[in-house]
């Protein structure tokens, strides 16, 4: 699988560990940086990674910043990107199995390296339950994700521009 990675200075050490593990597992990592712990602006790195995912140039993305939310806010502005902040393996499992997320956002200041690696392992190995015929699958997951995809397809608009039948 081809994985985009991005981080800010707070996420650099954790990103490096995750990147090494992904490479050892046979994944191709496209690293959008940053490449050190010098203070930087997260959007300069997370946005290009999210664009690569939205354009289909990569299969998934993993982003690491101080708490994870900055990366998720940026990533979720790009059509076709569905990012989740996960702080434990259970959330990572549900983010994939129920919601079919394609971007994982982690907080380098929130979780330690051992739990981060377990989150990544679970998220990478969990299948979406909305695939027709999936073992343990259920149509409700497909239906729910289709609704989110439909909202995504409408694009970002001012809330005042959205009528009752749109929302």
Protein backbone atom coordinates (compact mmCIF):
# COMPACT_ATOMS: atom_id res chain seq x y z
CA UNK A 1 0.00 0.00 0.00
CA UNK A 2 1.19 3.54 -0.69
CA UNK A 3 0.97 5.73 2.42
CA UNK A 4 1.36 9.52 2.64
CA UNK A 5 2.91 10.76 5.87
CA UNK A 6 3.07 14.29 7.22
CA UNK A 7 3.93 15.89 10.52
CA UNK A 8 4.92 19.04 12.28
CA UNK A 9 7.85 19.44 14.67
CA UNK A 10 5.89 17.91 17.57
CA UNK A 11 5.10 14.82 15.51
CA UNK A 12 8.50 14.23 13.95
CA UNK A 13 9.88 11.60 16.39
CA UNK A 14 6.69 9.52 16.27
CA UNK A 15 6.35 9.87 12.49
CA UNK A 16 9.88 8.54 12.08
CA UNK A 17 9.07 5.40 14.10
CA UNK A 18 5.83 4.80 12.23
CA UNK A 19 7.52 5.35 8.88
CA UNK A 20 10.18 2.76 9.69
CA UNK A 21 7.55 0.21 10.73
CA UNK A 22 5.43 0.80 7.62
CA UNK A 23 8.48 0.35 5.41
CA UNK A 24 9.40 -2.87 7.21
CA UNK A 25 5.84 -4.11 6.56
CA UNK A 26 6.36 -3.59 2.82
CA UNK A 27 4.43 -0.34 2.40
CA UNK A 28 5.70 2.52 0.28
CA UNK A 29 5.84 5.72 2.32
CA UNK A 30 5.60 9.11 0.64
CA UNK A 31 6.97 11.51 3.26
CA UNK A 32 5.71 15.09 2.98
CA UNK A 33 7.77 16.20 6.01
CA UNK A 34 8.78 17.94 8.08
CA UNK A 35 12.10 16.19 8.54
CA UNK A 36 13.25 17.55 11.90
CA UNK A 37 12.00 19.03 15.16
CA UNK A 38 12.47 22.68 14.19
CA UNK A 39 9.28 24.70 14.71
CA UNK A 40 7.17 24.81 11.55
CA UNK A 41 3.63 25.32 10.30
CA UNK A 42 1.60 22.11 10.06
CA UNK A 43 -0.51 23.13 7.02
CA UNK A 44 2.66 23.29 4.89
CA UNK A 45 3.01 19.52 5.28
CA UNK A 46 -0.43 18.09 6.11
CA UNK A 47 -2.22 19.81 3.24
CA UNK A 48 0.02 18.41 0.44
CA UNK A 49 -0.32 14.94 1.98
CA UNK A 50 -4.10 15.29 2.10
CA UNK A 51 -4.15 16.48 -1.51
CA UNK A 52 -2.16 13.40 -2.56
CA UNK A 53 -4.74 11.20 -0.84
CA UNK A 54 -7.69 13.08 -2.31
CA UNK A 55 -6.18 12.81 -5.80
CA UNK A 56 -5.67 9.06 -5.43
CA UNK A 57 -1.88 9.30 -5.59
CA UNK A 58 -1.67 7.36 -2.32
CA UNK A 59 -3.98 4.80 -0.69
CA UNK A 60 -3.99 6.19 2.84
CA UNK A 61 -2.39 8.90 4.96
CA UNK A 62 -1.00 9.03 8.46
CA UNK A 63 -0.33 12.43 10.02
CA UNK A 64 1.25 13.26 13.35
CA UNK A 65 1.14 16.64 15.06
CA UNK A 66 0.98 17.73 18.68
CA UNK A 67 -2.54 16.49 19.41
CA UNK A 68 -3.81 15.19 16.04
CA UNK A 69 -6.67 17.61 15.61
CA UNK A 70 -4.79 20.11 13.46
CA UNK A 71 -4.00 17.42 10.91
CA UNK A 72 -7.58 16.16 10.93
CA UNK A 73 -8.99 19.66 10.42
CA UNK A 74 -6.72 20.19 7.42
CA UNK A 75 -7.22 16.72 5.93
CA UNK A 76 -11.00 16.82 6.18
CA UNK A 77 -11.09 19.97 4.03
CA UNK A 78 -9.97 17.91 1.02
CA UNK A 79 -12.66 16.10 -0.96
CA UNK A 80 -12.31 12.34 -0.70
CA UNK A 81 -10.30 12.43 2.52
CA UNK A 82 -11.93 11.03 5.63
CA UNK A 83 -9.62 11.56 8.60
CA UNK A 84 -10.01 10.43 12.19
CA UNK A 85 -8.05 11.33 15.31
CA UNK A 86 -7.38 8.12 17.22
CA UNK A 87 -5.91 7.95 20.71
CA UNK A 88 -6.38 4.25 21.35
CA UNK A 89 -6.59 1.02 19.32
CA UNK A 90 -10.36 0.67 19.84
CA UNK A 91 -11.01 4.02 18.16
CA UNK A 92 -8.64 3.04 15.34
CA UNK A 93 -10.54 -0.20 14.79
CA UNK A 94 -13.91 1.55 14.64
CA UNK A 95 -12.56 4.35 12.47
CA UNK A 96 -11.71 1.74 9.84
CA UNK A 97 -14.38 -0.93 10.35
CA UNK A 98 -17.38 1.37 10.73
CA UNK A 99 -16.34 4.60 8.99
CA UNK A 100 -13.85 3.51 6.31
CA UNK A 101 -11.43 6.32 7.18
CA UNK A 102 -8.47 6.74 4.87
CA UNK A 103 -6.44 9.15 7.00
CA UNK A 104 -5.22 8.56 10.55
CA UNK A 105 -4.22 11.53 12.71
CA UNK A 106 -2.19 11.07 15.87
CA UNK A 107 -1.03 13.37 18.66
CA UNK A 108 2.67 13.08 19.38
CA UNK A 109 2.19 14.95 22.67
CA UNK A 110 -0.85 12.90 23.68
CA UNK A 111 0.11 9.25 23.22
CA UNK A 112 3.37 7.39 23.68
CA UNK A 113 5.20 5.46 20.99
CA UNK A 114 4.01 1.99 22.04
CA UNK A 115 0.32 2.89 21.90
CA UNK A 116 0.87 4.85 18.68
CA UNK A 117 2.38 1.81 17.01
CA UNK A 118 -0.52 -0.37 18.15
CA UNK A 119 -3.01 2.21 16.84
CA UNK A 120 -1.26 2.21 13.46
CA UNK A 121 -1.10 -1.60 13.37
CA UNK A 122 -4.82 -1.92 14.14
CA UNK A 123 -5.85 0.85 11.73
CA UNK A 124 -3.76 -0.57 8.89
CA UNK A 125 -5.01 -4.13 9.38
CA UNK A 126 -8.72 -3.46 9.92
CA UNK A 127 -11.11 -3.87 7.00
CA UNK A 128 -14.25 -1.84 6.45
CA UNK A 129 -17.41 -3.78 7.33
CA UNK A 130 -19.46 -2.05 4.63
CA UNK A 131 -17.96 -4.08 1.79
CA UNK A 132 -20.72 -6.36 0.43
CA UNK A 133 -20.08 -9.90 1.58
CA UNK A 134 -17.44 -8.91 4.15
CA UNK A 135 -17.21 -11.34 7.08
CA UNK A 136 -19.17 -9.76 9.92
CA UNK A 137 -20.17 -6.98 7.56
CA UNK A 138 -23.38 -5.08 7.70
CA UNK A 139 -25.21 -2.93 5.18
CA UNK A 140 -25.64 -0.18 7.78
CA UNK A 141 -21.92 0.70 7.58
CA UNK A 142 -22.09 1.05 3.81
CA UNK A 143 -25.23 3.15 4.04
CA UNK A 144 -23.72 5.46 6.65
CA UNK A 145 -20.47 5.96 4.76
CA UNK A 146 -22.40 6.61 1.54
CA UNK A 147 -24.21 9.44 3.33
CA UNK A 148 -20.90 10.98 4.41
CA UNK A 149 -19.53 10.63 0.87
CA UNK A 150 -22.65 12.39 -0.45
CA UNK A 151 -22.08 15.28 1.96
CA UNK A 152 -18.45 15.41 0.86
CA UNK A 153 -19.50 15.53 -2.79
CA UNK A 154 -21.60 18.65 -2.16
CA UNK A 155 -18.40 20.51 -1.32
CA UNK A 156 -17.72 23.16 1.25
CA UNK A 157 -20.24 25.97 1.24
CA UNK A 158 -21.34 28.65 3.65
CA UNK A 159 -23.87 27.22 6.09
CA UNK A 160 -26.29 29.97 5.05
CA UNK A 161 -26.20 28.59 1.48
CA UNK A 162 -27.43 25.15 2.53
CA UNK A 163 -31.18 24.73 2.40
CA UNK A 164 -33.28 22.28 4.44
CA UNK A 165 -33.34 19.72 1.63
CA UNK A 166 -29.52 19.82 1.31
CA UNK A 167 -28.67 19.10 4.90
